[in-house]
N, C-alpha and C. Protein backbone atom coordinates (compact mmCIF):
# COMPACT_ATOMS: atom_id res chain seq x y z
N UNK A 1 -14.49 18.60 -8.83
CA UNK A 1 -13.04 18.43 -8.73
C UNK A 1 -12.53 19.37 -7.64
N UNK A 2 -11.79 18.83 -6.71
CA UNK A 2 -11.20 19.63 -5.63
C UNK A 2 -9.71 19.78 -5.91
N UNK A 3 -9.19 20.99 -5.76
CA UNK A 3 -7.79 21.28 -6.03
C UNK A 3 -7.11 21.77 -4.76
N UNK A 4 -6.03 21.07 -4.40
CA UNK A 4 -5.28 21.39 -3.18
C UNK A 4 -3.96 22.06 -3.54
N UNK A 5 -3.43 22.81 -2.59
CA UNK A 5 -2.14 23.47 -2.77
C UNK A 5 -1.04 22.44 -2.99
N UNK A 6 -0.12 22.76 -3.87
CA UNK A 6 1.05 21.90 -4.08
C UNK A 6 2.06 22.10 -2.94
N UNK A 7 1.93 23.20 -2.23
CA UNK A 7 2.85 23.54 -1.14
C UNK A 7 2.33 23.01 0.20
N UNK A 8 1.06 23.24 0.48
CA UNK A 8 0.41 22.74 1.69
C UNK A 8 -0.67 21.77 1.24
N UNK A 9 -0.34 20.50 1.21
CA UNK A 9 -1.19 19.46 0.61
C UNK A 9 -2.57 19.34 1.26
N UNK A 10 -2.76 19.88 2.47
CA UNK A 10 -4.05 19.82 3.15
C UNK A 10 -4.92 21.04 2.90
N UNK A 11 -4.40 22.04 2.20
CA UNK A 11 -5.10 23.30 1.99
C UNK A 11 -5.91 23.26 0.69
N UNK A 12 -7.24 23.30 0.82
CA UNK A 12 -8.12 23.34 -0.34
C UNK A 12 -8.06 24.74 -0.96
N UNK A 13 -7.65 24.81 -2.21
CA UNK A 13 -7.55 26.10 -2.91
C UNK A 13 -8.86 26.48 -3.59
N UNK A 14 -9.44 25.53 -4.34
CA UNK A 14 -10.67 25.82 -5.07
C UNK A 14 -11.31 24.53 -5.54
N UNK A 15 -12.58 24.63 -5.93
CA UNK A 15 -13.29 23.52 -6.54
C UNK A 15 -13.89 23.99 -7.85
N UNK A 16 -14.05 23.07 -8.78
CA UNK A 16 -14.72 23.36 -10.04
C UNK A 16 -15.76 22.28 -10.26
N UNK A 17 -16.95 22.69 -10.64
CA UNK A 17 -18.00 21.75 -10.98
C UNK A 17 -18.53 22.11 -12.36
N UNK A 18 -18.44 21.18 -13.28
CA UNK A 18 -18.95 21.39 -14.63
C UNK A 18 -20.45 21.06 -14.66
N UNK A 19 -21.17 21.78 -15.49
CA UNK A 19 -22.62 21.63 -15.59
C UNK A 19 -23.03 20.17 -15.79
N UNK A 20 -22.31 19.49 -16.67
CA UNK A 20 -22.68 18.10 -16.99
C UNK A 20 -22.43 17.13 -15.83
N UNK A 21 -21.75 17.56 -14.78
CA UNK A 21 -21.49 16.70 -13.62
C UNK A 21 -22.61 16.74 -12.58
N UNK A 22 -23.59 17.62 -12.77
CA UNK A 22 -24.67 17.75 -11.80
C UNK A 22 -25.63 16.57 -11.95
N UNK A 23 -25.91 15.90 -10.82
CA UNK A 23 -26.77 14.71 -10.83
C UNK A 23 -27.89 14.88 -9.79
N UNK A 24 -28.72 13.85 -9.67
CA UNK A 24 -29.81 13.87 -8.70
C UNK A 24 -29.29 13.78 -7.26
N UNK A 25 -28.09 13.31 -7.08
CA UNK A 25 -27.49 13.22 -5.75
C UNK A 25 -26.89 14.57 -5.37
N UNK A 26 -27.17 15.04 -4.16
CA UNK A 26 -26.56 16.28 -3.67
C UNK A 26 -25.05 16.10 -3.65
N UNK A 27 -24.35 17.09 -4.17
CA UNK A 27 -22.88 17.07 -4.17
C UNK A 27 -22.41 18.36 -3.52
N UNK A 28 -21.75 18.23 -2.38
CA UNK A 28 -21.21 19.40 -1.68
C UNK A 28 -19.87 19.77 -2.30
N UNK A 29 -19.75 20.99 -2.75
CA UNK A 29 -18.49 21.48 -3.31
C UNK A 29 -17.61 22.07 -2.21
N UNK A 30 -18.18 22.31 -1.05
CA UNK A 30 -17.47 22.91 0.08
C UNK A 30 -17.39 21.92 1.23
N UNK A 31 -16.33 22.04 2.02
CA UNK A 31 -16.27 21.31 3.29
C UNK A 31 -17.04 22.11 4.33
N UNK A 32 -17.46 21.46 5.40
CA UNK A 32 -18.28 22.11 6.42
C UNK A 32 -17.66 23.36 7.02
N UNK A 33 -16.32 23.41 7.13
CA UNK A 33 -15.67 24.54 7.80
C UNK A 33 -15.51 25.76 6.89
N UNK A 34 -15.82 25.63 5.59
CA UNK A 34 -15.66 26.77 4.68
C UNK A 34 -16.73 27.82 4.95
N UNK A 35 -16.38 29.09 4.80
CA UNK A 35 -17.33 30.18 5.01
C UNK A 35 -18.42 30.20 3.96
N UNK A 36 -18.06 29.81 2.75
CA UNK A 36 -19.01 29.80 1.64
C UNK A 36 -19.39 28.35 1.36
N UNK A 37 -20.64 28.03 1.56
CA UNK A 37 -21.14 26.68 1.36
C UNK A 37 -21.82 26.58 0.00
N UNK A 38 -21.38 25.64 -0.83
CA UNK A 38 -21.93 25.48 -2.18
C UNK A 38 -22.19 24.00 -2.42
N UNK A 39 -23.33 23.69 -3.01
CA UNK A 39 -23.64 22.32 -3.39
C UNK A 39 -24.45 22.33 -4.68
N UNK A 40 -24.55 21.17 -5.31
CA UNK A 40 -25.33 21.04 -6.54
C UNK A 40 -26.30 19.87 -6.40
N UNK A 41 -27.37 19.93 -7.18
CA UNK A 41 -28.33 18.83 -7.22
C UNK A 41 -29.30 19.09 -8.36
N UNK A 42 -29.56 18.06 -9.15
CA UNK A 42 -30.59 18.13 -10.19
C UNK A 42 -31.91 17.76 -9.51
N UNK A 43 -32.92 18.60 -9.66
CA UNK A 43 -34.17 18.43 -8.91
C UNK A 43 -35.32 18.16 -9.88
N UNK A 44 -36.09 17.13 -9.61
CA UNK A 44 -37.22 16.75 -10.44
C UNK A 44 -38.43 17.65 -10.18
N UNK A 45 -39.23 17.81 -11.22
CA UNK A 45 -40.47 18.57 -11.12
C UNK A 45 -41.33 18.00 -9.99
N UNK A 46 -41.94 18.90 -9.22
CA UNK A 46 -42.83 18.49 -8.14
C UNK A 46 -42.16 18.34 -6.79
N UNK A 47 -40.84 18.35 -6.77
CA UNK A 47 -40.12 18.24 -5.49
C UNK A 47 -40.43 19.47 -4.64
N UNK A 48 -40.68 19.26 -3.37
CA UNK A 48 -40.97 20.36 -2.46
C UNK A 48 -39.95 20.38 -1.34
N UNK A 49 -39.65 21.57 -0.87
CA UNK A 49 -38.75 21.75 0.26
C UNK A 49 -39.55 22.41 1.38
N UNK A 50 -39.38 21.91 2.56
CA UNK A 50 -40.11 22.44 3.72
C UNK A 50 -39.70 23.89 3.98
N UNK A 51 -40.68 24.77 4.19
CA UNK A 51 -40.41 26.18 4.47
C UNK A 51 -39.55 26.30 5.72
N UNK A 52 -38.56 27.17 5.68
CA UNK A 52 -37.68 27.34 6.83
C UNK A 52 -36.96 28.68 6.74
N UNK A 53 -36.33 29.07 7.82
CA UNK A 53 -35.39 30.19 7.84
C UNK A 53 -34.26 29.80 8.76
N UNK A 54 -33.16 30.49 8.63
CA UNK A 54 -31.98 30.11 9.40
C UNK A 54 -31.91 30.91 10.69
N UNK A 55 -31.41 30.24 11.72
CA UNK A 55 -31.32 30.84 13.04
C UNK A 55 -30.10 31.76 13.15
N UNK A 56 -30.19 32.78 13.99
CA UNK A 56 -29.01 33.62 14.22
C UNK A 56 -27.88 32.76 14.79
N UNK A 57 -26.69 32.94 14.26
CA UNK A 57 -25.55 32.16 14.72
C UNK A 57 -24.30 32.97 14.41
N UNK A 58 -23.57 33.37 15.43
CA UNK A 58 -22.36 34.16 15.23
C UNK A 58 -21.32 33.30 14.51
N UNK A 59 -20.77 33.85 13.44
CA UNK A 59 -19.75 33.17 12.65
C UNK A 59 -18.59 34.12 12.46
N UNK A 60 -17.41 33.57 12.37
CA UNK A 60 -16.22 34.40 12.20
C UNK A 60 -15.41 33.88 11.02
N UNK A 61 -14.98 34.79 10.15
CA UNK A 61 -14.15 34.40 9.01
C UNK A 61 -12.94 35.33 8.92
N UNK A 62 -11.88 34.83 8.31
CA UNK A 62 -10.71 35.66 8.12
C UNK A 62 -10.24 35.68 6.67
N UNK A 63 -10.97 35.02 5.78
CA UNK A 63 -10.66 35.02 4.35
C UNK A 63 -11.94 35.28 3.56
N UNK A 64 -11.79 35.96 2.45
CA UNK A 64 -12.90 36.09 1.52
C UNK A 64 -12.90 34.85 0.62
N UNK A 65 -14.02 34.20 0.54
CA UNK A 65 -14.20 33.07 -0.36
C UNK A 65 -15.25 33.49 -1.37
N UNK A 66 -15.13 32.99 -2.61
CA UNK A 66 -16.09 33.42 -3.62
C UNK A 66 -16.43 32.29 -4.57
N UNK A 67 -17.57 32.43 -5.22
CA UNK A 67 -18.01 31.45 -6.22
C UNK A 67 -18.49 32.20 -7.45
N UNK A 68 -18.21 31.60 -8.59
CA UNK A 68 -18.70 32.12 -9.87
C UNK A 68 -19.60 31.07 -10.49
N UNK A 69 -20.79 31.47 -10.89
CA UNK A 69 -21.71 30.58 -11.60
C UNK A 69 -21.97 31.23 -12.96
N UNK A 70 -21.59 30.54 -14.02
CA UNK A 70 -21.68 31.10 -15.37
C UNK A 70 -23.02 30.75 -15.99
N UNK A 71 -23.73 31.79 -16.41
CA UNK A 71 -25.04 31.61 -17.04
C UNK A 71 -24.92 31.52 -18.55
N UNK A 72 -23.95 32.24 -19.13
CA UNK A 72 -23.71 32.18 -20.57
C UNK A 72 -22.29 32.62 -20.85
N UNK A 73 -21.81 32.28 -22.05
CA UNK A 73 -20.47 32.68 -22.46
C UNK A 73 -19.41 31.74 -21.93
N UNK A 74 -18.17 32.27 -21.91
CA UNK A 74 -17.03 31.44 -21.48
C UNK A 74 -15.89 32.34 -21.02
N UNK A 75 -15.09 31.82 -20.09
CA UNK A 75 -13.89 32.51 -19.62
C UNK A 75 -12.75 31.50 -19.51
N UNK A 76 -11.53 31.99 -19.65
CA UNK A 76 -10.35 31.21 -19.30
C UNK A 76 -10.02 31.60 -17.86
N UNK A 77 -10.12 30.65 -16.96
CA UNK A 77 -9.85 30.90 -15.55
C UNK A 77 -8.44 30.43 -15.22
N UNK A 78 -7.72 31.25 -14.45
CA UNK A 78 -6.36 30.93 -14.03
C UNK A 78 -6.34 30.97 -12.50
N UNK A 79 -5.79 29.90 -11.91
CA UNK A 79 -5.73 29.80 -10.45
C UNK A 79 -4.27 29.73 -10.01
N UNK A 80 -3.98 30.38 -8.88
CA UNK A 80 -2.62 30.49 -8.35
C UNK A 80 -2.54 29.82 -6.99
N UNK A 81 -1.44 29.14 -6.74
CA UNK A 81 -1.19 28.50 -5.45
C UNK A 81 -0.78 29.57 -4.44
N UNK A 82 -0.53 29.17 -3.20
CA UNK A 82 -0.22 30.14 -2.14
C UNK A 82 1.13 30.82 -2.34
N UNK A 83 1.97 30.30 -3.24
CA UNK A 83 3.23 30.97 -3.58
C UNK A 83 3.09 31.89 -4.79
N UNK A 84 1.85 32.14 -5.22
CA UNK A 84 1.51 33.02 -6.35
C UNK A 84 1.93 32.47 -7.71
N UNK A 85 2.21 31.18 -7.79
CA UNK A 85 2.52 30.54 -9.07
C UNK A 85 1.26 29.88 -9.63
N UNK A 86 1.10 29.93 -10.94
CA UNK A 86 -0.06 29.33 -11.58
C UNK A 86 -0.06 27.82 -11.31
N UNK A 87 -1.21 27.32 -10.85
CA UNK A 87 -1.33 25.89 -10.59
C UNK A 87 -2.37 25.21 -11.46
N UNK A 88 -3.26 25.99 -12.09
CA UNK A 88 -4.28 25.38 -12.93
C UNK A 88 -4.92 26.42 -13.83
N UNK A 89 -5.21 26.02 -15.06
CA UNK A 89 -5.95 26.85 -16.02
C UNK A 89 -7.04 26.00 -16.64
N UNK A 90 -8.20 26.61 -16.89
CA UNK A 90 -9.30 25.88 -17.51
C UNK A 90 -10.25 26.87 -18.17
N UNK A 91 -11.11 26.36 -19.01
CA UNK A 91 -12.19 27.17 -19.59
C UNK A 91 -13.47 26.81 -18.85
N UNK A 92 -14.15 27.85 -18.36
CA UNK A 92 -15.44 27.68 -17.69
C UNK A 92 -16.51 28.28 -18.60
N UNK A 93 -17.64 27.58 -18.72
CA UNK A 93 -18.68 28.03 -19.63
C UNK A 93 -20.04 27.92 -18.96
N UNK A 94 -21.07 28.18 -19.72
CA UNK A 94 -22.45 28.20 -19.22
C UNK A 94 -22.76 26.97 -18.37
N UNK A 95 -23.24 27.22 -17.14
CA UNK A 95 -23.60 26.14 -16.22
C UNK A 95 -22.49 25.70 -15.29
N UNK A 96 -21.26 26.12 -15.57
CA UNK A 96 -20.13 25.73 -14.72
C UNK A 96 -20.05 26.62 -13.48
N UNK A 97 -19.41 26.09 -12.45
CA UNK A 97 -19.24 26.82 -11.19
C UNK A 97 -17.82 26.62 -10.68
N UNK A 98 -17.20 27.68 -10.24
CA UNK A 98 -15.90 27.61 -9.55
C UNK A 98 -16.08 28.24 -8.18
N UNK A 99 -15.55 27.57 -7.15
CA UNK A 99 -15.59 28.09 -5.79
C UNK A 99 -14.15 28.27 -5.34
N UNK A 100 -13.80 29.50 -4.99
CA UNK A 100 -12.41 29.83 -4.65
C UNK A 100 -12.31 30.06 -3.14
N UNK A 101 -11.43 29.28 -2.51
CA UNK A 101 -11.23 29.39 -1.07
C UNK A 101 -9.94 30.15 -0.75
N UNK A 102 -8.80 29.63 -1.15
CA UNK A 102 -7.51 30.26 -0.84
C UNK A 102 -6.67 30.55 -2.08
N UNK A 103 -7.13 30.16 -3.23
CA UNK A 103 -6.33 30.36 -4.45
C UNK A 103 -6.38 31.80 -4.92
N UNK A 104 -5.25 32.28 -5.45
CA UNK A 104 -5.29 33.49 -6.24
C UNK A 104 -6.01 33.15 -7.52
N UNK A 105 -6.55 34.14 -8.20
CA UNK A 105 -7.35 33.83 -9.37
C UNK A 105 -7.49 35.03 -10.29
N UNK A 106 -7.71 34.72 -11.55
CA UNK A 106 -8.04 35.73 -12.55
C UNK A 106 -8.79 35.02 -13.67
N UNK A 107 -9.46 35.78 -14.51
CA UNK A 107 -10.01 35.16 -15.71
C UNK A 107 -10.05 36.15 -16.85
N UNK A 108 -10.02 35.59 -18.05
CA UNK A 108 -10.09 36.35 -19.30
C UNK A 108 -11.39 35.94 -19.98
N UNK A 109 -12.21 36.92 -20.32
CA UNK A 109 -13.49 36.64 -20.97
C UNK A 109 -13.23 36.24 -22.42
N UNK A 110 -13.78 35.10 -22.84
CA UNK A 110 -13.56 34.56 -24.18
C UNK A 110 -14.72 34.83 -25.13
N UNK A 111 -15.91 35.13 -24.60
CA UNK A 111 -17.07 35.38 -25.45
C UNK A 111 -17.77 36.65 -25.01
N UNK A 112 -18.24 37.43 -25.99
CA UNK A 112 -19.01 38.64 -25.70
C UNK A 112 -20.24 38.29 -24.88
N UNK A 113 -20.62 39.23 -24.04
CA UNK A 113 -21.84 39.12 -23.24
C UNK A 113 -21.83 37.90 -22.32
N UNK A 114 -20.66 37.51 -21.86
CA UNK A 114 -20.58 36.46 -20.84
C UNK A 114 -21.29 36.97 -19.59
N UNK A 115 -22.11 36.13 -19.02
CA UNK A 115 -22.89 36.52 -17.83
C UNK A 115 -22.60 35.52 -16.72
N UNK A 116 -22.35 36.05 -15.52
CA UNK A 116 -22.12 35.20 -14.37
C UNK A 116 -22.70 35.82 -13.12
N UNK A 117 -22.95 34.98 -12.15
CA UNK A 117 -23.22 35.42 -10.79
C UNK A 117 -21.92 35.22 -10.02
N UNK A 118 -21.59 36.20 -9.18
CA UNK A 118 -20.43 36.07 -8.30
C UNK A 118 -20.93 36.22 -6.87
N UNK A 119 -20.54 35.29 -6.01
CA UNK A 119 -20.95 35.31 -4.60
C UNK A 119 -19.71 35.37 -3.72
N UNK A 120 -19.76 36.20 -2.67
CA UNK A 120 -18.66 36.30 -1.70
C UNK A 120 -19.25 36.43 -0.31
N UNK A 121 -18.50 35.98 0.68
CA UNK A 121 -18.90 36.27 2.04
C UNK A 121 -18.52 37.73 2.34
N UNK A 122 -19.24 38.35 3.20
CA UNK A 122 -19.00 39.76 3.51
C UNK A 122 -18.84 39.93 5.01
N UNK A 123 -18.81 41.15 5.46
CA UNK A 123 -18.99 42.40 4.71
C UNK A 123 -17.75 42.77 3.90
N UNK A 124 -17.92 43.74 2.99
CA UNK A 124 -16.85 44.21 2.13
C UNK A 124 -16.32 45.53 2.68
N UNK A 125 -14.99 45.62 2.87
CA UNK A 125 -14.38 46.81 3.46
C UNK A 125 -13.56 47.62 2.47
N UNK A 126 -13.72 47.37 1.18
CA UNK A 126 -13.00 48.13 0.16
C UNK A 126 -11.78 47.39 -0.35
N UNK A 127 -11.35 47.78 -1.54
CA UNK A 127 -10.27 47.08 -2.24
C UNK A 127 -8.94 47.12 -1.48
N UNK A 128 -8.66 48.21 -0.79
CA UNK A 128 -7.38 48.34 -0.08
C UNK A 128 -7.22 47.30 1.03
N UNK A 129 -8.31 46.97 1.70
CA UNK A 129 -8.25 45.99 2.78
C UNK A 129 -8.55 44.56 2.30
N UNK A 130 -9.06 44.43 1.09
CA UNK A 130 -9.55 43.15 0.63
C UNK A 130 -8.62 42.41 -0.33
N UNK A 131 -7.80 43.14 -1.11
CA UNK A 131 -7.05 42.48 -2.20
C UNK A 131 -5.56 42.82 -2.18
N UNK A 132 -4.78 41.82 -2.65
CA UNK A 132 -3.37 42.02 -2.97
C UNK A 132 -3.18 41.47 -4.37
N UNK A 133 -2.77 42.33 -5.29
CA UNK A 133 -2.63 41.91 -6.68
C UNK A 133 -1.38 41.08 -6.87
N UNK A 134 -1.48 40.01 -7.63
CA UNK A 134 -0.37 39.07 -7.85
C UNK A 134 0.54 39.56 -8.96
N UNK A 135 -0.02 40.02 -10.05
CA UNK A 135 0.78 40.48 -11.20
C UNK A 135 0.70 41.98 -11.34
């Protein structure tokens, strides 16, 4: 599911992919121009991928984008539009993924020992240069 700003209809705020939506077909959660590229695919036993490494390529970004992949537990995720107003709330649980491009965001942990991976583009320059708190 792709969620766009209510204010700027062309601005992708975030995507959410539920575990049960993952299929054998590759599904890109990101557009090509996003700094953080995320996709899903269910892979059958025995599938092989050709060995490779990525070439040096200068890239420039001006926003931090992040993804959360939940391994266990659950959270109530809240997303904010570019005017800092709540635009969507949902519960994310084991196997779910949220990719945040321009949305403000927060979450409340609903289950003890919730475990997630969080990915962001870097480098990181500290909280003072990286964040503006909404509430």
